[in-house]
Amino acid sequence: MKVDIRYKPLIFAFFMAFSISMFISFVLVSINIGYHADFLATWLKTWARAFICAFFAAYFFPRFIQKIMAKIEFIEPKKI
């Protein structure tokens, strides 16, 4: 599959948001509610909402974080 390079940040954000929101919502629903008859429906509903938030965060936050990181000077520790 070939995709124009300008879509790389968008596709990356999509897959990051998809996987992270799925994992975190599953863990949190498991901890907070536990496994019961409506677990799957509850988790999918929660995950859908989490994905929307995570997608925008995964797309926009890295831009701001990279600007902050560019202002930090990282040094290597001196070898003893």
PDB file of N, CA and C in Angstrom:
ATOM      1  N   MET A   1       0.846  -1.174   0.000  1.00  0.00           N
ATOM      2  CA  MET A   1       0.000   0.000   0.000  1.00  0.00           C
ATOM      3  C   MET A   1       0.891   1.237   0.000  1.00  0.00           C
ATOM      4  N   LYS A   2       0.623   2.147  -0.871  1.00  0.00           N
ATOM      5  CA  LYS A   2       1.383   3.393  -0.939  1.00  0.00           C
ATOM      6  C   LYS A   2       0.459   4.560  -0.610  1.00  0.00           C
ATOM      7  N   VAL A   3       0.941   5.410   0.290  1.00  0.00           N
ATOM      8  CA  VAL A   3       0.165   6.564   0.731  1.00  0.00           C
ATOM      9  C   VAL A   3       1.078   7.776   0.683  1.00  0.00           C
ATOM     10  N   ASP A   4       0.533   8.900   0.300  1.00  0.00           N
ATOM     11  CA  ASP A   4       1.287  10.153   0.237  1.00  0.00           C
ATOM     12  C   ASP A   4       1.892  10.457   1.612  1.00  0.00           C
ATOM     13  N   ILE A   5       3.124  10.910   1.627  1.00  0.00           N
ATOM     14  CA  ILE A   5       3.865  11.180   2.859  1.00  0.00           C
ATOM     15  C   ILE A   5       3.189  12.234   3.731  1.00  0.00           C
ATOM     16  N   ARG A   6       2.431  13.112   3.152  1.00  0.00           N
ATOM     17  CA  ARG A   6       1.790  14.161   3.958  1.00  0.00           C
ATOM     18  C   ARG A   6       0.735  13.605   4.909  1.00  0.00           C
ATOM     19  N   TYR A   7       0.295  12.360   4.688  1.00  0.00           N
ATOM     20  CA  TYR A   7      -0.695  11.736   5.570  1.00  0.00           C
ATOM     21  C   TYR A   7      -0.046  10.931   6.692  1.00  0.00           C
ATOM     22  N   LYS A   8       1.270  10.881   6.721  1.00  0.00           N
ATOM     23  CA  LYS A   8       1.975  10.081   7.724  1.00  0.00           C
ATOM     24  C   LYS A   8       1.602  10.469   9.159  1.00  0.00           C
ATOM     25  N   PRO A   9       1.610  11.757   9.537  1.00  0.00           N
ATOM     26  CA  PRO A   9       1.234  12.107  10.919  1.00  0.00           C
ATOM     27  C   PRO A   9      -0.205  11.717  11.255  1.00  0.00           C
ATOM     28  N   LEU A  10      -1.086  11.842  10.301  1.00  0.00           N
ATOM     29  CA  LEU A  10      -2.490  11.495  10.524  1.00  0.00           C
ATOM     30  C   LEU A  10      -2.661   9.995  10.720  1.00  0.00           C
ATOM     31  N   ILE A  11      -2.003   9.204   9.899  1.00  0.00           N
ATOM     32  CA  ILE A  11      -2.099   7.747  10.007  1.00  0.00           C
ATOM     33  C   ILE A  11      -1.431   7.263  11.289  1.00  0.00           C
ATOM     34  N   PHE A  12      -0.286   7.847  11.626  1.00  0.00           N
ATOM     35  CA  PHE A  12       0.384   7.497  12.870  1.00  0.00           C
ATOM     36  C   PHE A  12      -0.512   7.797  14.066  1.00  0.00           C
ATOM     37  N   ALA A  13      -1.114   8.975  14.083  1.00  0.00           N
ATOM     38  CA  ALA A  13      -2.007   9.364  15.182  1.00  0.00           C
ATOM     39  C   ALA A  13      -3.190   8.406  15.280  1.00  0.00           C
ATOM     40  N   PHE A  14      -3.723   7.998  14.132  1.00  0.00           N
ATOM     41  CA  PHE A  14      -4.854   7.075  14.131  1.00  0.00           C
ATOM     42  C   PHE A  14      -4.483   5.755  14.798  1.00  0.00           C
ATOM     43  N   PHE A  15      -3.371   5.155  14.388  1.00  0.00           N
ATOM     44  CA  PHE A  15      -2.989   3.857  14.939  1.00  0.00           C
ATOM     45  C   PHE A  15      -2.571   3.950  16.408  1.00  0.00           C
ATOM     46  N   MET A  16      -1.907   5.023  16.779  1.00  0.00           N
ATOM     47  CA  MET A  16      -1.551   5.204  18.184  1.00  0.00           C
ATOM     48  C   MET A  16      -2.809   5.358  19.039  1.00  0.00           C
ATOM     49  N   ALA A  17      -3.721   6.196  18.607  1.00  0.00           N
ATOM     50  CA  ALA A  17      -4.958   6.408  19.356  1.00  0.00           C
ATOM     51  C   ALA A  17      -5.790   5.130  19.415  1.00  0.00           C
ATOM     52  N   PHE A  18      -5.844   4.418  18.310  1.00  0.00           N
ATOM     53  CA  PHE A  18      -6.612   3.175  18.245  1.00  0.00           C
ATOM     54  C   PHE A  18      -6.104   2.173  19.269  1.00  0.00           C
ATOM     55  N   SER A  19      -4.817   1.934  19.253  1.00  0.00           N
ATOM     56  CA  SER A  19      -4.265   0.899  20.126  1.00  0.00           C
ATOM     57  C   SER A  19      -4.231   1.317  21.593  1.00  0.00           C
ATOM     58  N   ILE A  20      -3.805   2.533  21.866  1.00  0.00           N
ATOM     59  CA  ILE A  20      -3.703   2.973  23.255  1.00  0.00           C
ATOM     60  C   ILE A  20      -5.080   3.117  23.894  1.00  0.00           C
ATOM     61  N   SER A  21      -6.036   3.699  23.188  1.00  0.00           N
ATOM     62  CA  SER A  21      -7.373   3.860  23.760  1.00  0.00           C
ATOM     63  C   SER A  21      -8.034   2.501  23.983  1.00  0.00           C
ATOM     64  N   MET A  22      -7.782   1.556  23.096  1.00  0.00           N
ATOM     65  CA  MET A  22      -8.344   0.213  23.264  1.00  0.00           C
ATOM     66  C   MET A  22      -7.771  -0.441  24.522  1.00  0.00           C
ATOM     67  N   PHE A  23      -6.475  -0.381  24.674  1.00  0.00           N
ATOM     68  CA  PHE A  23      -5.828  -1.014  25.815  1.00  0.00           C
ATOM     69  C   PHE A  23      -6.238  -0.368  27.138  1.00  0.00           C
ATOM     70  N   ILE A  24      -6.141   0.952  27.202  1.00  0.00           N
ATOM     71  CA  ILE A  24      -6.434   1.643  28.460  1.00  0.00           C
ATOM     72  C   ILE A  24      -7.906   1.516  28.837  1.00  0.00           C
ATOM     73  N   SER A  25      -8.807   1.655  27.886  1.00  0.00           N
ATOM     74  CA  SER A  25     -10.224   1.526  28.225  1.00  0.00           C
ATOM     75  C   SER A  25     -10.551   0.108  28.683  1.00  0.00           C
ATOM     76  N   PHE A  26      -9.925  -0.903  28.081  1.00  0.00           N
ATOM     77  CA  PHE A  26     -10.149  -2.282  28.505  1.00  0.00           C
ATOM     78  C   PHE A  26      -9.693  -2.488  29.947  1.00  0.00           C
ATOM     79  N   VAL A  27      -8.503  -2.005  30.255  1.00  0.00           N
ATOM     80  CA  VAL A  27      -7.967  -2.168  31.609  1.00  0.00           C
ATOM     81  C   VAL A  27      -8.826  -1.421  32.622  1.00  0.00           C
ATOM     82  N   LEU A  28      -9.194  -0.188  32.329  1.00  0.00           N
ATOM     83  CA  LEU A  28      -9.968   0.601  33.286  1.00  0.00           C
ATOM     84  C   LEU A  28     -11.376   0.063  33.497  1.00  0.00           C
ATOM     85  N   VAL A  29     -12.018  -0.387  32.436  1.00  0.00           N
ATOM     86  CA  VAL A  29     -13.352  -0.979  32.596  1.00  0.00           C
ATOM     87  C   VAL A  29     -13.238  -2.277  33.386  1.00  0.00           C
ATOM     88  N   SER A  30     -12.204  -3.054  33.127  1.00  0.00           N
ATOM     89  CA  SER A  30     -11.988  -4.299  33.885  1.00  0.00           C
ATOM     90  C   SER A  30     -11.810  -4.020  35.368  1.00  0.00           C
ATOM     91  N   ILE A  31     -11.011  -3.011  35.684  1.00  0.00           N
ATOM     92  CA  ILE A  31     -10.749  -2.676  37.086  1.00  0.00           C
ATOM     93  C   ILE A  31     -11.979  -2.074  37.754  1.00  0.00           C
ATOM     94  N   ASN A  32     -12.612  -1.106  37.093  1.00  0.00           N
ATOM     95  CA  ASN A  32     -13.715  -0.369  37.722  1.00  0.00           C
ATOM     96  C   ASN A  32     -15.030  -1.134  37.783  1.00  0.00           C
ATOM     97  N   ILE A  33     -15.322  -1.908  36.775  1.00  0.00           N
ATOM     98  CA  ILE A  33     -16.624  -2.580  36.706  1.00  0.00           C
ATOM     99  C   ILE A  33     -16.487  -4.091  36.860  1.00  0.00           C
ATOM    100  N   GLY A  34     -15.409  -4.648  36.349  1.00  0.00           N
ATOM    101  CA  GLY A  34     -15.226  -6.094  36.405  1.00  0.00           C
ATOM    102  C   GLY A  34     -15.898  -6.763  35.211  1.00  0.00           C
ATOM    103  N   TYR A  35     -15.734  -8.048  35.152  1.00  0.00           N
ATOM    104  CA  TYR A  35     -16.302  -8.813  34.034  1.00  0.00           C
ATOM    105  C   TYR A  35     -17.711  -9.261  34.399  1.00  0.00           C
ATOM    106  N   HIS A  36     -18.657  -8.859  33.572  1.00  0.00           N
ATOM    107  CA  HIS A  36     -20.055  -9.229  33.789  1.00  0.00           C
ATOM    108  C   HIS A  36     -20.705  -9.397  32.426  1.00  0.00           C
ATOM    109  N   ALA A  37     -21.989  -9.626  32.410  1.00  0.00           N
ATOM    110  CA  ALA A  37     -22.699  -9.921  31.164  1.00  0.00           C
ATOM    111  C   ALA A  37     -22.608  -8.780  30.149  1.00  0.00           C
ATOM    112  N   ASP A  38     -22.599  -7.544  30.623  1.00  0.00           N
ATOM    113  CA  ASP A  38     -22.567  -6.382  29.724  1.00  0.00           C
ATOM    114  C   ASP A  38     -21.159  -5.815  29.542  1.00  0.00           C
ATOM    115  N   PHE A  39     -20.147  -6.581  29.914  1.00  0.00           N
ATOM    116  CA  PHE A  39     -18.784  -6.072  29.847  1.00  0.00           C
ATOM    117  C   PHE A  39     -18.406  -5.622  28.442  1.00  0.00           C
ATOM    118  N   LEU A  40     -18.652  -6.450  27.453  1.00  0.00           N
ATOM    119  CA  LEU A  40     -18.250  -6.123  26.076  1.00  0.00           C
ATOM    120  C   LEU A  40     -18.930  -4.850  25.580  1.00  0.00           C
ATOM    121  N   ALA A  41     -20.228  -4.734  25.817  1.00  0.00           N
ATOM    122  CA  ALA A  41     -20.963  -3.544  25.383  1.00  0.00           C
ATOM    123  C   ALA A  41     -20.450  -2.295  26.106  1.00  0.00           C
ATOM    124  N   THR A  42     -20.208  -2.426  27.397  1.00  0.00           N
ATOM    125  CA  THR A  42     -19.702  -1.298  28.183  1.00  0.00           C
ATOM    126  C   THR A  42     -18.321  -0.880  27.697  1.00  0.00           C
ATOM    127  N   TRP A  43     -17.459  -1.875  27.486  1.00  0.00           N
ATOM    128  CA  TRP A  43     -16.096  -1.584  27.039  1.00  0.00           C
ATOM    129  C   TRP A  43     -16.094  -0.931  25.657  1.00  0.00           C
ATOM    130  N   LEU A  44     -16.871  -1.447  24.714  1.00  0.00           N
ATOM    131  CA  LEU A  44     -16.888  -0.866  23.361  1.00  0.00           C
ATOM    132  C   LEU A  44     -17.417   0.565  23.371  1.00  0.00           C
ATOM    133  N   LYS A  45     -18.405   0.820  24.200  1.00  0.00           N
ATOM    134  CA  LYS A  45     -18.944   2.178  24.317  1.00  0.00           C
ATOM    135  C   LYS A  45     -17.884   3.118  24.902  1.00  0.00           C
ATOM    136  N   THR A  46     -17.211   2.661  25.932  1.00  0.00           N
ATOM    137  CA  THR A  46     -16.154   3.449  26.556  1.00  0.00           C
ATOM    138  C   THR A  46     -14.991   3.654  25.595  1.00  0.00           C
ATOM    139  N   TRP A  47     -14.613   2.601  24.897  1.00  0.00           N
ATOM    140  CA  TRP A  47     -13.493   2.682  23.961  1.00  0.00           C
ATOM    141  C   TRP A  47     -13.793   3.658  22.823  1.00  0.00           C
ATOM    142  N   ALA A  48     -15.005   3.678  22.312  1.00  0.00           N
ATOM    143  CA  ALA A  48     -15.360   4.605  21.231  1.00  0.00           C
ATOM    144  C   ALA A  48     -15.165   6.058  21.677  1.00  0.00           C
ATOM    145  N   ARG A  49     -15.582   6.344  22.883  1.00  0.00           N
ATOM    146  CA  ARG A  49     -15.406   7.705  23.406  1.00  0.00           C
ATOM    147  C   ARG A  49     -13.928   8.016  23.641  1.00  0.00           C
ATOM    148  N   ALA A  50     -13.212   7.047  24.180  1.00  0.00           N
ATOM    149  CA  ALA A  50     -11.786   7.239  24.456  1.00  0.00           C
ATOM    150  C   ALA A  50     -10.995   7.435  23.165  1.00  0.00           C
ATOM    151  N   PHE A  51     -11.392   6.724  22.114  1.00  0.00           N
ATOM    152  CA  PHE A  51     -10.680   6.837  20.844  1.00  0.00           C
ATOM    153  C   PHE A  51     -10.773   8.251  20.279  1.00  0.00           C
ATOM    154  N   ILE A  52     -11.934   8.849  20.364  1.00  0.00           N
ATOM    155  CA  ILE A  52     -12.113  10.210  19.845  1.00  0.00           C
ATOM    156  C   ILE A  52     -11.166  11.174  20.570  1.00  0.00           C
ATOM    157  N   CYS A  53     -11.111  11.081  21.883  1.00  0.00           N
ATOM    158  CA  CYS A  53     -10.204  11.946  22.655  1.00  0.00           C
ATOM    159  C   CYS A  53      -8.746  11.625  22.341  1.00  0.00           C
ATOM    160  N   ALA A  54      -8.424  10.349  22.289  1.00  0.00           N
ATOM    161  CA  ALA A  54      -7.041   9.937  22.060  1.00  0.00           C
ATOM    162  C   ALA A  54      -6.556  10.327  20.668  1.00  0.00           C
ATOM    163  N   PHE A  55      -7.434  10.285  19.681  1.00  0.00           N
ATOM    164  CA  PHE A  55      -7.021  10.634  18.324  1.00  0.00           C
ATOM    165  C   PHE A  55      -6.581  12.091  18.246  1.00  0.00           C
ATOM    166  N   PHE A  56      -7.389  12.981  18.788  1.00  0.00           N
ATOM    167  CA  PHE A  56      -7.023  14.395  18.755  1.00  0.00           C
ATOM    168  C   PHE A  56      -5.763  14.658  19.582  1.00  0.00           C
ATOM    169  N   ALA A  57      -5.639  13.976  20.705  1.00  0.00           N
ATOM    170  CA  ALA A  57      -4.440  14.136  21.530  1.00  0.00           C
ATOM    171  C   ALA A  57      -3.206  13.617  20.802  1.00  0.00           C
ATOM    172  N   ALA A  58      -3.315  12.460  20.164  1.00  0.00           N
ATOM    173  CA  ALA A  58      -2.170  11.869  19.456  1.00  0.00           C
ATOM    174  C   ALA A  58      -1.782  12.677  18.225  1.00  0.00           C
ATOM    175  N   TYR A  59      -2.716  13.417  17.676  1.00  0.00           N
ATOM    176  CA  TYR A  59      -2.416  14.211  16.484  1.00  0.00           C
ATOM    177  C   TYR A  59      -1.836  15.583  16.842  1.00  0.00           C
ATOM    178  N   PHE A  60      -2.378  16.228  17.863  1.00  0.00           N
ATOM    179  CA  PHE A  60      -1.970  17.597  18.167  1.00  0.00           C
ATOM    180  C   PHE A  60      -0.881  17.713  19.235  1.00  0.00           C
ATOM    181  N   PHE A  61      -0.881  16.868  20.249  1.00  0.00           N
ATOM    182  CA  PHE A  61       0.082  17.000  21.332  1.00  0.00           C
ATOM    183  C   PHE A  61       1.535  16.863  20.888  1.00  0.00           C
ATOM    184  N   PRO A  62       1.880  15.932  20.007  1.00  0.00           N
ATOM    185  CA  PRO A  62       3.297  15.807  19.627  1.00  0.00           C
ATOM    186  C   PRO A  62       3.895  17.094  19.062  1.00  0.00           C
ATOM    187  N   ARG A  63       3.125  17.880  18.369  1.00  0.00           N
ATOM    188  CA  ARG A  63       3.640  19.137  17.818  1.00  0.00           C
ATOM    189  C   ARG A  63       4.107  20.070  18.930  1.00  0.00           C
ATOM    190  N   PHE A  64       3.309  20.184  19.970  1.00  0.00           N
ATOM    191  CA  PHE A  64       3.656  21.064  21.075  1.00  0.00           C
ATOM    192  C   PHE A  64       4.783  20.475  21.919  1.00  0.00           C
ATOM    193  N   ILE A  65       4.741  19.184  22.111  1.00  0.00           N
ATOM    194  CA  ILE A  65       5.779  18.526  22.905  1.00  0.00           C
ATOM    195  C   ILE A  65       7.128  18.616  22.204  1.00  0.00           C
ATOM    196  N   GLN A  66       7.159  18.486  20.890  1.00  0.00           N
ATOM    197  CA  GLN A  66       8.417  18.617  20.152  1.00  0.00           C
ATOM    198  C   GLN A  66       8.997  20.015  20.291  1.00  0.00           C
ATOM    199  N   LYS A  67       8.160  21.028  20.323  1.00  0.00           N
ATOM    200  CA  LYS A  67       8.642  22.398  20.513  1.00  0.00           C
ATOM    201  C   LYS A  67       9.261  22.567  21.901  1.00  0.00           C
ATOM    202  N   ILE A  68       8.639  21.962  22.891  1.00  0.00           N
ATOM    203  CA  ILE A  68       9.178  22.030  24.250  1.00  0.00           C
ATOM    204  C   ILE A  68      10.497  21.271  24.323  1.00  0.00           C
ATOM    205  N   MET A  69      10.525  20.087  23.728  1.00  0.00           N
ATOM    206  CA  MET A  69      11.733  19.265  23.758  1.00  0.00           C
ATOM    207  C   MET A  69      12.902  19.938  23.036  1.00  0.00           C
ATOM    208  N   ALA A  70      12.617  20.730  22.014  1.00  0.00           N
ATOM    209  CA  ALA A  70      13.671  21.415  21.279  1.00  0.00           C
ATOM    210  C   ALA A  70      14.359  22.474  22.138  1.00  0.00           C
ATOM    211  N   LYS A  71      13.671  22.945  23.169  1.00  0.00           N
ATOM    212  CA  LYS A  71      14.238  23.963  24.043  1.00  0.00           C
ATOM    213  C   LYS A  71      15.073  23.372  25.177  1.00  0.00           C
ATOM    214  N   ILE A  72      15.026  22.066  25.323  1.00  0.00           N
ATOM    215  CA  ILE A  72      15.786  21.402  26.381  1.00  0.00           C
ATOM    216  C   ILE A  72      17.113  20.920  25.815  1.00  0.00           C
ATOM    217  N   GLU A  73      18.164  21.221  26.539  1.00  0.00           N
ATOM    218  CA  GLU A  73      19.480  20.767  26.103  1.00  0.00           C
ATOM    219  C   GLU A  73      19.827  19.489  26.869  1.00  0.00           C
ATOM    220  N   PHE A  74      19.950  18.412  26.146  1.00  0.00           N
ATOM    221  CA  PHE A  74      20.280  17.131  26.744  1.00  0.00           C
ATOM    222  C   PHE A  74      21.778  16.922  26.656  1.00  0.00           C
ATOM    223  N   ILE A  75      22.344  16.454  27.753  1.00  0.00           N
ATOM    224  CA  ILE A  75      23.788  16.196  27.776  1.00  0.00           C
ATOM    225  C   ILE A  75      24.024  14.748  28.186  1.00  0.00           C
ATOM    226  N   GLU A  76      25.145  14.222  27.764  1.00  0.00           N
ATOM    227  CA  GLU A  76      25.507  12.868  28.137  1.00  0.00           C
ATOM    228  C   GLU A  76      26.309  12.932  29.431  1.00  0.00           C
ATOM    229  N   PRO A  77      26.056  12.004  30.330  1.00  0.00           N
ATOM    230  CA  PRO A  77      26.825  12.019  31.572  1.00  0.00           C
ATOM    231  C   PRO A  77      28.292  11.676  31.301  1.00  0.00           C
ATOM    232  N   LYS A  78      29.146  12.260  32.104  1.00  0.00           N
ATOM    233  CA  LYS A  78      30.580  11.998  31.948  1.00  0.00           C
ATOM    234  C   LYS A  78      30.883  10.583  32.391  1.00  0.00           C
ATOM    235  N   LYS A  79      31.698   9.915  31.621  1.00  0.00           N
ATOM    236  CA  LYS A  79      32.074   8.550  31.972  1.00  0.00           C
ATOM    237  C   LYS A  79      33.155   8.580  33.039  1.00  0.00           C
ATOM    238  N   ILE A  80      33.011   7.698  33.965  1.00  0.00           N
ATOM    239  CA  ILE A  80      33.964   7.662  35.087  1.00  0.00           C
ATOM    240  C   ILE A  80      35.158   6.805  34.714  1.00  0.00           C
TER     241      ILE A  80
END
